[in-house]
Full PDB file with SEQRES, HELIX, SHEET, SSBOND, CRYST1, ORIGX, SCALE, CONECT and MASTER records, all heavy atoms in Angstrom:
SEQRES   1 A   36  LEU GLN LEU HIS GLY GLY GLU THR PRO GLU ARG VAL ALA          
SEQRES   2 A   36  ALA ILE ARG ALA CYS PHE GLY VAL LYS VAL ILE LYS ALA          
SEQRES   3 A   36  ILE GLY ILE GLY ASP SER ALA ASP LEU ALA                      
HELIX    1 AA1 PRO A    9  PHE A   19  1                                  11    
HELIX    2 AA2 SER A   32  LEU A   35  5                                   4    
SHEET    1 AA1 2 GLN A   2  LEU A   3  0                                        
SHEET    2 AA1 2 ILE A  24  LYS A  25  1                                        
CRYST1    1.000    1.000    1.000  90.00  90.00  90.00 P 1           1          
ORIGX1      1.000000  0.000000  0.000000        0.00000                         
ORIGX2      0.000000  1.000000  0.000000        0.00000                         
ORIGX3      0.000000  0.000000  1.000000        0.00000                         
SCALE1      1.000000  0.000000  0.000000        0.00000                         
SCALE2      0.000000  1.000000  0.000000        0.00000                         
SCALE3      0.000000  0.000000  1.000000        0.00000                         
ATOM      1  N   LEU A   1     -80.024 -86.135  88.791  1.00  0.00           N  
ATOM      2  CA  LEU A   1     -80.957 -85.448  87.901  1.00  0.00           C  
ATOM      3  C   LEU A   1     -82.351 -85.885  88.294  1.00  0.00           C  
ATOM      4  O   LEU A   1     -82.632 -87.082  88.377  1.00  0.00           O  
ATOM      5  CB  LEU A   1     -80.716 -85.844  86.439  1.00  0.00           C  
ATOM      6  CG  LEU A   1     -79.349 -85.545  85.830  1.00  0.00           C  
ATOM      7  CD1 LEU A   1     -79.302 -86.073  84.397  1.00  0.00           C  
ATOM      8  CD2 LEU A   1     -79.068 -84.064  85.861  1.00  0.00           C  
ATOM      9  N   GLN A   2     -83.249 -84.942  88.545  1.00  0.00           N  
ATOM     10  CA  GLN A   2     -84.643 -85.267  88.838  1.00  0.00           C  
ATOM     11  C   GLN A   2     -85.478 -84.945  87.608  1.00  0.00           C  
ATOM     12  O   GLN A   2     -85.604 -83.778  87.232  1.00  0.00           O  
ATOM     13  CB  GLN A   2     -85.155 -84.490  90.045  1.00  0.00           C  
ATOM     14  CG  GLN A   2     -86.604 -84.826  90.410  1.00  0.00           C  
ATOM     15  CD  GLN A   2     -87.039 -84.150  91.690  1.00  0.00           C  
ATOM     16  OE1 GLN A   2     -86.257 -84.021  92.633  1.00  0.00           O  
ATOM     17  NE2 GLN A   2     -88.280 -83.707  91.749  1.00  0.00           N  
ATOM     18  N   LEU A   3     -86.037 -85.959  87.000  1.00  0.00           N  
ATOM     19  CA  LEU A   3     -86.839 -85.801  85.784  1.00  0.00           C  
ATOM     20  C   LEU A   3     -88.304 -85.756  86.189  1.00  0.00           C  
ATOM     21  O   LEU A   3     -88.878 -86.755  86.610  1.00  0.00           O  
ATOM     22  CB  LEU A   3     -86.556 -86.951  84.821  1.00  0.00           C  
ATOM     23  CG  LEU A   3     -85.064 -87.163  84.493  1.00  0.00           C  
ATOM     24  CD1 LEU A   3     -84.896 -88.334  83.525  1.00  0.00           C  
ATOM     25  CD2 LEU A   3     -84.436 -85.898  83.928  1.00  0.00           C  
ATOM     26  N   HIS A   4     -88.921 -84.580  86.044  1.00  0.00           N  
ATOM     27  CA  HIS A   4     -90.250 -84.363  86.609  1.00  0.00           C  
ATOM     28  C   HIS A   4     -91.327 -84.188  85.535  1.00  0.00           C  
ATOM     29  O   HIS A   4     -92.421 -83.683  85.810  1.00  0.00           O  
ATOM     30  CB  HIS A   4     -90.233 -83.131  87.519  1.00  0.00           C  
ATOM     31  CG  HIS A   4     -91.081 -83.287  88.746  1.00  0.00           C  
ATOM     32  ND1 HIS A   4     -90.566 -83.620  89.976  1.00  0.00           N  
ATOM     33  CD2 HIS A   4     -92.406 -83.177  88.934  1.00  0.00           C  
ATOM     34  CE1 HIS A   4     -91.538 -83.689  90.863  1.00  0.00           C  
ATOM     35  NE2 HIS A   4     -92.674 -83.422  90.257  1.00  0.00           N  
ATOM     36  N   GLY A   5     -91.024 -84.597  84.319  1.00  0.00           N  
ATOM     37  CA  GLY A   5     -91.992 -84.450  83.242  1.00  0.00           C  
ATOM     38  C   GLY A   5     -92.551 -85.786  82.785  1.00  0.00           C  
ATOM     39  O   GLY A   5     -92.699 -86.725  83.569  1.00  0.00           O  
ATOM     40  N   GLY A   6     -92.840 -85.864  81.489  1.00  0.00           N  
ATOM     41  CA  GLY A   6     -93.397 -87.089  80.929  1.00  0.00           C  
ATOM     42  C   GLY A   6     -92.344 -87.967  80.289  1.00  0.00           C  
ATOM     43  O   GLY A   6     -92.636 -88.717  79.343  1.00  0.00           O  
ATOM     44  N   GLU A   7     -91.119 -87.896  80.776  1.00  0.00           N  
ATOM     45  CA  GLU A   7     -90.032 -88.693  80.212  1.00  0.00           C  
ATOM     46  C   GLU A   7     -90.372 -90.191  80.249  1.00  0.00           C  
ATOM     47  O   GLU A   7     -90.779 -90.719  81.292  1.00  0.00           O  
ATOM     48  CB  GLU A   7     -88.726 -88.457  80.984  1.00  0.00           C  
ATOM     49  CG  GLU A   7     -88.236 -87.024  80.969  1.00  0.00           C  
ATOM     50  CD  GLU A   7     -88.776 -86.175  82.113  1.00  0.00           C  
ATOM     51  OE1 GLU A   7     -89.619 -86.704  82.891  1.00  0.00           O  
ATOM     52  OE2 GLU A   7     -88.378 -85.001  82.209  1.00  0.00           O  
ATOM     53  N   THR A   8     -90.210 -90.856  79.121  1.00  0.00           N  
ATOM     54  CA  THR A   8     -90.486 -92.295  79.041  1.00  0.00           C  
ATOM     55  C   THR A   8     -89.348 -93.065  79.708  1.00  0.00           C  
ATOM     56  O   THR A   8     -88.248 -92.530  79.925  1.00  0.00           O  
ATOM     57  CB  THR A   8     -90.581 -92.744  77.582  1.00  0.00           C  
ATOM     58  OG1 THR A   8     -89.288 -92.564  76.951  1.00  0.00           O  
ATOM     59  CG2 THR A   8     -91.639 -91.951  76.825  1.00  0.00           C  
ATOM     60  N   PRO A   9     -89.573 -94.349  80.011  1.00  0.00           N  
ATOM     61  CA  PRO A   9     -88.479 -95.152  80.555  1.00  0.00           C  
ATOM     62  C   PRO A   9     -87.267 -95.162  79.629  1.00  0.00           C  
ATOM     63  O   PRO A   9     -86.118 -95.139  80.096  1.00  0.00           O  
ATOM     64  CB  PRO A   9     -89.108 -96.542  80.686  1.00  0.00           C  
ATOM     65  CG  PRO A   9     -90.563 -96.272  80.889  1.00  0.00           C  
ATOM     66  CD  PRO A   9     -90.857 -95.090  80.027  1.00  0.00           C  
ATOM     67  N   GLU A  10     -87.519 -95.184  78.324  1.00  0.00           N  
ATOM     68  CA  GLU A  10     -86.421 -95.188  77.360  1.00  0.00           C  
ATOM     69  C   GLU A  10     -85.622 -93.880  77.445  1.00  0.00           C  
ATOM     70  O   GLU A  10     -84.388 -93.877  77.365  1.00  0.00           O  
ATOM     71  CB  GLU A  10     -86.964 -95.393  75.953  1.00  0.00           C  
ATOM     72  CG  GLU A  10     -87.581 -96.754  75.686  1.00  0.00           C  
ATOM     73  CD  GLU A  10     -88.963 -96.935  76.308  1.00  0.00           C  
ATOM     74  OE1 GLU A  10     -89.620 -95.907  76.642  1.00  0.00           O  
ATOM     75  OE2 GLU A  10     -89.398 -98.101  76.461  1.00  0.00           O  
ATOM     76  N   ARG A  11     -86.327 -92.767  77.604  1.00  0.00           N  
ATOM     77  CA  ARG A  11     -85.655 -91.480  77.716  1.00  0.00           C  
ATOM     78  C   ARG A  11     -84.854 -91.406  79.017  1.00  0.00           C  
ATOM     79  O   ARG A  11     -83.731 -90.890  79.041  1.00  0.00           O  
ATOM     80  CB  ARG A  11     -86.692 -90.347  77.661  1.00  0.00           C  
ATOM     81  CG  ARG A  11     -86.141 -88.945  77.878  1.00  0.00           C  
ATOM     82  CD  ARG A  11     -85.139 -88.542  76.828  1.00  0.00           C  
ATOM     83  NE  ARG A  11     -84.720 -87.157  77.007  1.00  0.00           N  
ATOM     84  CZ  ARG A  11     -83.552 -86.670  76.576  1.00  0.00           C  
ATOM     85  NH1 ARG A  11     -82.690 -87.466  75.929  1.00  0.00           N  
ATOM     86  NH2 ARG A  11     -83.251 -85.401  76.755  1.00  0.00           N  
ATOM     87  N   VAL A  12     -85.407 -91.912  80.096  1.00  0.00           N  
ATOM     88  CA  VAL A  12     -84.703 -91.921  81.372  1.00  0.00           C  
ATOM     89  C   VAL A  12     -83.402 -92.710  81.252  1.00  0.00           C  
ATOM     90  O   VAL A  12     -82.336 -92.262  81.688  1.00  0.00           O  
ATOM     91  CB  VAL A  12     -85.593 -92.520  82.484  1.00  0.00           C  
ATOM     92  CG1 VAL A  12     -84.789 -92.708  83.769  1.00  0.00           C  
ATOM     93  CG2 VAL A  12     -86.797 -91.623  82.751  1.00  0.00           C  
ATOM     94  N   ALA A  13     -83.488 -93.896  80.657  1.00  0.00           N  
ATOM     95  CA  ALA A  13     -82.299 -94.730  80.492  1.00  0.00           C  
ATOM     96  C   ALA A  13     -81.263 -94.045  79.611  1.00  0.00           C  
ATOM     97  O   ALA A  13     -80.060 -94.107  79.884  1.00  0.00           O  
ATOM     98  CB  ALA A  13     -82.694 -96.077  79.900  1.00  0.00           C  
ATOM     99  N   ALA A  14     -81.730 -93.371  78.562  1.00  0.00           N  
ATOM    100  CA  ALA A  14     -80.813 -92.691  77.639  1.00  0.00           C  
ATOM    101  C   ALA A  14     -80.103 -91.532  78.333  1.00  0.00           C  
ATOM    102  O   ALA A  14     -78.898 -91.325  78.148  1.00  0.00           O  
ATOM    103  CB  ALA A  14     -81.572 -92.193  76.417  1.00  0.00           C  
ATOM    104  N   ILE A  15     -80.836 -90.768  79.137  1.00  0.00           N  
ATOM    105  CA  ILE A  15     -80.240 -89.640  79.858  1.00  0.00           C  
ATOM    106  C   ILE A  15     -79.190 -90.142  80.850  1.00  0.00           C  
ATOM    107  O   ILE A  15     -78.088 -89.589  80.948  1.00  0.00           O  
ATOM    108  CB  ILE A  15     -81.334 -88.833  80.588  1.00  0.00           C  
ATOM    109  CG1 ILE A  15     -82.185 -88.066  79.576  1.00  0.00           C  
ATOM    110  CG2 ILE A  15     -80.725 -87.881  81.620  1.00  0.00           C  
ATOM    111  CD1 ILE A  15     -83.397 -87.392  80.183  1.00  0.00           C  
ATOM    112  N   ARG A  16     -79.531 -91.177  81.556  1.00  0.00           N  
ATOM    113  CA  ARG A  16     -78.601 -91.731  82.546  1.00  0.00           C  
ATOM    114  C   ARG A  16     -77.322 -92.211  81.871  1.00  0.00           C  
ATOM    115  O   ARG A  16     -76.208 -91.979  82.370  1.00  0.00           O  
ATOM    116  CB  ARG A  16     -79.288 -92.880  83.284  1.00  0.00           C  
ATOM    117  CG  ARG A  16     -78.544 -93.401  84.493  1.00  0.00           C  
ATOM    118  CD  ARG A  16     -79.382 -94.439  85.215  1.00  0.00           C  
ATOM    119  NE  ARG A  16     -78.739 -94.920  86.410  1.00  0.00           N  
ATOM    120  CZ  ARG A  16     -77.841 -95.912  86.422  1.00  0.00           C  
ATOM    121  NH1 ARG A  16     -77.481 -96.500  85.295  1.00  0.00           N  
ATOM    122  NH2 ARG A  16     -77.295 -96.301  87.574  1.00  0.00           N  
ATOM    123  N   ALA A  17     -77.471 -92.883  80.734  1.00  0.00           N  
ATOM    124  CA  ALA A  17     -76.309 -93.398  80.023  1.00  0.00           C  
ATOM    125  C   ALA A  17     -75.475 -92.278  79.405  1.00  0.00           C  
ATOM    126  O   ALA A  17     -74.247 -92.326  79.404  1.00  0.00           O  
ATOM    127  CB  ALA A  17     -76.765 -94.371  78.933  1.00  0.00           C  
ATOM    128  N   CYS A  18     -76.142 -91.254  78.882  1.00  0.00           N  
ATOM    129  CA  CYS A  18     -75.458 -90.171  78.190  1.00  0.00           C  
ATOM    130  C   CYS A  18     -74.660 -89.291  79.144  1.00  0.00           C  
ATOM    131  O   CYS A  18     -73.512 -88.931  78.854  1.00  0.00           O  
ATOM    132  CB  CYS A  18     -76.478 -89.326  77.428  1.00  0.00           C  
ATOM    133  SG  CYS A  18     -75.767 -87.897  76.566  1.00  0.00           S  
ATOM    134  N   PHE A  19     -75.249 -88.957  80.293  1.00  0.00           N  
ATOM    135  CA  PHE A  19     -74.625 -87.971  81.173  1.00  0.00           C  
ATOM    136  C   PHE A  19     -73.912 -88.572  82.379  1.00  0.00           C  
ATOM    137  O   PHE A  19     -73.173 -87.869  83.072  1.00  0.00           O  
ATOM    138  CB  PHE A  19     -75.669 -86.951  81.630  1.00  0.00           C  
ATOM    139  CG  PHE A  19     -76.220 -86.121  80.505  1.00  0.00           C  
ATOM    140  CD1 PHE A  19     -77.464 -86.394  79.961  1.00  0.00           C  
ATOM    141  CD2 PHE A  19     -75.470 -85.093  79.950  1.00  0.00           C  
ATOM    142  CE1 PHE A  19     -77.969 -85.644  78.901  1.00  0.00           C  
ATOM    143  CE2 PHE A  19     -75.959 -84.343  78.895  1.00  0.00           C  
ATOM    144  CZ  PHE A  19     -77.208 -84.620  78.364  1.00  0.00           C  
ATOM    145  N   GLY A  20     -74.141 -89.838  82.653  1.00  0.00           N  
ATOM    146  CA  GLY A  20     -73.442 -90.482  83.750  1.00  0.00           C  
ATOM    147  C   GLY A  20     -73.784 -89.935  85.119  1.00  0.00           C  
ATOM    148  O   GLY A  20     -72.960 -89.965  86.034  1.00  0.00           O  
ATOM    149  N   VAL A  21     -74.997 -89.402  85.263  1.00  0.00           N  
ATOM    150  CA  VAL A  21     -75.462 -88.865  86.542  1.00  0.00           C  
ATOM    151  C   VAL A  21     -76.661 -89.687  86.999  1.00  0.00           C  
ATOM    152  O   VAL A  21     -77.513 -90.062  86.187  1.00  0.00           O  
ATOM    153  CB  VAL A  21     -75.874 -87.381  86.405  1.00  0.00           C  
ATOM    154  CG1 VAL A  21     -76.337 -86.828  87.752  1.00  0.00           C  
ATOM    155  CG2 VAL A  21     -74.712 -86.547  85.869  1.00  0.00           C  
ATOM    156  N   LYS A  22     -76.730 -89.982  88.286  1.00  0.00           N  
ATOM    157  CA  LYS A  22     -77.851 -90.756  88.811  1.00  0.00           C  
ATOM    158  C   LYS A  22     -79.161 -90.013  88.588  1.00  0.00           C  
ATOM    159  O   LYS A  22     -79.202 -88.785  88.656  1.00  0.00           O  
ATOM    160  CB  LYS A  22     -77.656 -91.040  90.295  1.00  0.00           C  
ATOM    161  CG  LYS A  22     -76.506 -91.993  90.583  1.00  0.00           C  
ATOM    162  CD  LYS A  22     -76.386 -92.250  92.074  1.00  0.00           C  
ATOM    163  CE  LYS A  22     -75.246 -93.223  92.362  1.00  0.00           C  
ATOM    164  NZ  LYS A  22     -75.112 -93.486  93.814  1.00  0.00           N  
ATOM    165  N   VAL A  23     -80.233 -90.790  88.350  1.00  0.00           N  
ATOM    166  CA  VAL A  23     -81.518 -90.206  87.980  1.00  0.00           C  
ATOM    167  C   VAL A  23     -82.600 -90.522  89.012  1.00  0.00           C  
ATOM    168  O   VAL A  23     -82.755 -91.663  89.448  1.00  0.00           O  
ATOM    169  CB  VAL A  23     -81.965 -90.713  86.598  1.00  0.00           C  
ATOM    170  CG1 VAL A  23     -83.402 -90.296  86.311  1.00  0.00           C  
ATOM    171  CG2 VAL A  23     -81.040 -90.180  85.509  1.00  0.00           C  
ATOM    172  N   ILE A  24     -83.341 -89.481  89.389  1.00  0.00           N  
ATOM    173  CA  ILE A  24     -84.568 -89.620  90.181  1.00  0.00           C  
ATOM    174  C   ILE A  24     -85.728 -89.363  89.232  1.00  0.00           C  
ATOM    175  O   ILE A  24     -85.802 -88.310  88.607  1.00  0.00           O  
ATOM    176  CB  ILE A  24     -84.622 -88.578  91.316  1.00  0.00           C  
ATOM    177  CG1 ILE A  24     -83.430 -88.716  92.251  1.00  0.00           C  
ATOM    178  CG2 ILE A  24     -85.942 -88.708  92.100  1.00  0.00           C  
ATOM    179  CD1 ILE A  24     -83.305 -87.581  93.266  1.00  0.00           C  
ATOM    180  N   LYS A  25     -86.642 -90.320  89.094  1.00  0.00           N  
ATOM    181  CA  LYS A  25     -87.796 -90.118  88.216  1.00  0.00           C  
ATOM    182  C   LYS A  25     -89.036 -89.853  89.053  1.00  0.00           C  
ATOM    183  O   LYS A  25     -89.417 -90.650  89.909  1.00  0.00           O  
ATOM    184  CB  LYS A  25     -88.048 -91.333  87.322  1.00  0.00           C  
ATOM    185  CG  LYS A  25     -89.264 -91.167  86.409  1.00  0.00           C  
ATOM    186  CD  LYS A  25     -89.054 -90.040  85.413  1.00  0.00           C  
ATOM    187  CE  LYS A  25     -90.294 -89.819  84.532  1.00  0.00           C  
ATOM    188  NZ  LYS A  25     -91.265 -88.886  85.120  1.00  0.00           N  
ATOM    189  N   ALA A  26     -89.666 -88.720  88.804  1.00  0.00           N  
ATOM    190  CA  ALA A  26     -90.902 -88.361  89.499  1.00  0.00           C  
ATOM    191  C   ALA A  26     -92.095 -89.006  88.815  1.00  0.00           C  
ATOM    192  O   ALA A  26     -92.192 -89.017  87.583  1.00  0.00           O  
ATOM    193  CB  ALA A  26     -91.076 -86.850  89.518  1.00  0.00           C  
ATOM    194  N   ILE A  27     -93.001 -89.546  89.622  1.00  0.00           N  
ATOM    195  CA  ILE A  27     -94.225 -90.171  89.131  1.00  0.00           C  
ATOM    196  C   ILE A  27     -95.406 -89.534  89.845  1.00  0.00           C  
ATOM    197  O   ILE A  27     -95.463 -89.494  91.081  1.00  0.00           O  
ATOM    198  CB  ILE A  27     -94.216 -91.691  89.383  1.00  0.00           C  
ATOM    199  CG1 ILE A  27     -93.042 -92.349  88.623  1.00  0.00           C  
ATOM    200  CG2 ILE A  27     -95.547 -92.325  88.971  1.00  0.00           C  
ATOM    201  CD1 ILE A  27     -92.869 -93.819  88.936  1.00  0.00           C  
ATOM    202  N   GLY A  28     -96.345 -89.000  89.082  1.00  0.00           N  
ATOM    203  CA  GLY A  28     -97.528 -88.384  89.665  1.00  0.00           C  
ATOM    204  C   GLY A  28     -98.528 -89.431  90.119  1.00  0.00           C  
ATOM    205  O   GLY A  28     -98.852 -90.356  89.365  1.00  0.00           O  
ATOM    206  N   ILE A  29     -99.009 -89.293  91.350  1.00  0.00           N  
ATOM    207  CA  ILE A  29     -99.974 -90.247  91.911  1.00  0.00           C  
ATOM    208  C   ILE A  29    -101.281 -89.527  92.216  1.00  0.00           C  
ATOM    209  O   ILE A  29    -101.297 -88.524  92.937  1.00  0.00           O  
ATOM    210  CB  ILE A  29     -99.438 -90.894  93.204  1.00  0.00           C  
ATOM    211  CG1 ILE A  29     -98.066 -91.551  92.975  1.00  0.00           C  
ATOM    212  CG2 ILE A  29    -100.447 -91.908  93.750  1.00  0.00           C  
ATOM    213  CD1 ILE A  29     -98.091 -92.749  92.070  1.00  0.00           C  
ATOM    214  N   GLY A  30    -102.366 -90.047  91.662  1.00  0.00           N  
ATOM    215  CA  GLY A  30    -103.681 -89.507  91.952  1.00  0.00           C  
ATOM    216  C   GLY A  30    -104.631 -90.578  92.443  1.00  0.00           C  
ATOM    217  O   GLY A  30    -105.469 -90.346  93.308  1.00  0.00           O  
ATOM    218  N   ASP A  31    -104.486 -91.781  91.880  1.00  0.00           N  
ATOM    219  CA  ASP A  31    -105.298 -92.918  92.299  1.00  0.00           C  
ATOM    220  C   ASP A  31    -104.496 -94.195  92.081  1.00  0.00           C  
ATOM    221  O   ASP A  31    -103.345 -94.155  91.623  1.00  0.00           O  
ATOM    222  CB  ASP A  31    -106.626 -92.962  91.536  1.00  0.00           C  
ATOM    223  CG  ASP A  31    -106.435 -92.924  90.023  1.00  0.00           C  
ATOM    224  OD1 ASP A  31    -105.547 -93.639  89.505  1.00  0.00           O  
ATOM    225  OD2 ASP A  31    -107.163 -92.185  89.352  1.00  0.00           O  
ATOM    226  N   SER A  32    -105.093 -95.332  92.399  1.00  0.00           N  
ATOM    227  CA  SER A  32    -104.368 -96.603  92.354  1.00  0.00           C  
ATOM    228  C   SER A  32    -103.884 -96.961  90.952  1.00  0.00           C  
ATOM    229  O   SER A  32    -102.882 -97.668  90.800  1.00  0.00           O  
ATOM    230  CB  SER A  32    -105.256 -97.725  92.900  1.00  0.00           C  
ATOM    231  OG  SER A  32    -106.455 -97.840  92.147  1.00  0.00           O  
ATOM    232  N   ALA A  33    -104.552 -96.466  89.919  1.00  0.00           N  
ATOM    233  CA  ALA A  33    -104.142 -96.772  88.555  1.00  0.00           C  
ATOM    234  C   ALA A  33    -102.741 -96.230  88.254  1.00  0.00           C  
ATOM    235  O   ALA A  33    -101.999 -96.802  87.445  1.00  0.00           O  
ATOM    236  CB  ALA A  33    -105.150 -96.202  87.558  1.00  0.00           C  
ATOM    237  N   ASP A  34    -102.374 -95.134  88.915  1.00  0.00           N  
ATOM    238  CA  ASP A  34    -101.064 -94.528  88.667  1.00  0.00           C  
ATOM    239  C   ASP A  34     -99.918 -95.388  89.188  1.00  0.00           C  
ATOM    240  O   ASP A  34     -98.760 -95.205  88.775  1.00  0.00           O  
ATOM    241  CB  ASP A  34    -100.993 -93.148  89.317  1.00  0.00           C  
ATOM    242  CG  ASP A  34    -101.950 -92.164  88.672  1.00  0.00           C  
ATOM    243  OD1 ASP A  34    -102.106 -92.214  87.439  1.00  0.00           O  
ATOM    244  OD2 ASP A  34    -102.553 -91.349  89.402  1.00  0.00           O  
ATOM    245  N   LEU A  35    -100.201 -96.305  90.099  1.00  0.00           N  
ATOM    246  CA  LEU A  35     -99.152 -97.155  90.644  1.00  0.00           C  
ATOM    247  C   LEU A  35     -98.542 -98.065  89.585  1.00  0.00           C  
ATOM    248  O   LEU A  35     -97.410 -98.541  89.751  1.00  0.00           O  
ATOM    249  CB  LEU A  35     -99.703 -98.002  91.798  1.00  0.00           C  
ATOM    250  CG  LEU A  35    -100.275 -97.223  92.988  1.00  0.00           C  
ATOM    251  CD1 LEU A  35    -100.801 -98.192  94.037  1.00  0.00           C  
ATOM    252  CD2 LEU A  35     -99.234 -96.301  93.596  1.00  0.00           C  
ATOM    253  N   ALA A  36     -99.266 -98.297  88.497  1.00  0.00           N  
ATOM    254  CA  ALA A  36     -98.737 -99.132  87.425  1.00  0.00           C  
ATOM    255  C   ALA A  36     -97.500 -98.513  86.784  1.00  0.00           C  
ATOM    256  O   ALA A  36     -96.674 -99.217  86.189  1.00  0.00           O  
ATOM    257  CB  ALA A  36     -99.813 -99.362  86.365  1.00  0.00           C  
TER     258      ALA A  36                                                      
MASTER        0    0    0    2    2    0    0    6  257    1    0    3          
END                                                                             
């Protein structure tokens, strides 16, 4: 599952646990602050 929205870490963990499918989380990068 590729989650490409504003899903929080908690939501990502919940989806992974609920559906039992591996998760790819997309992170938007624009500048160094986004690396956090």
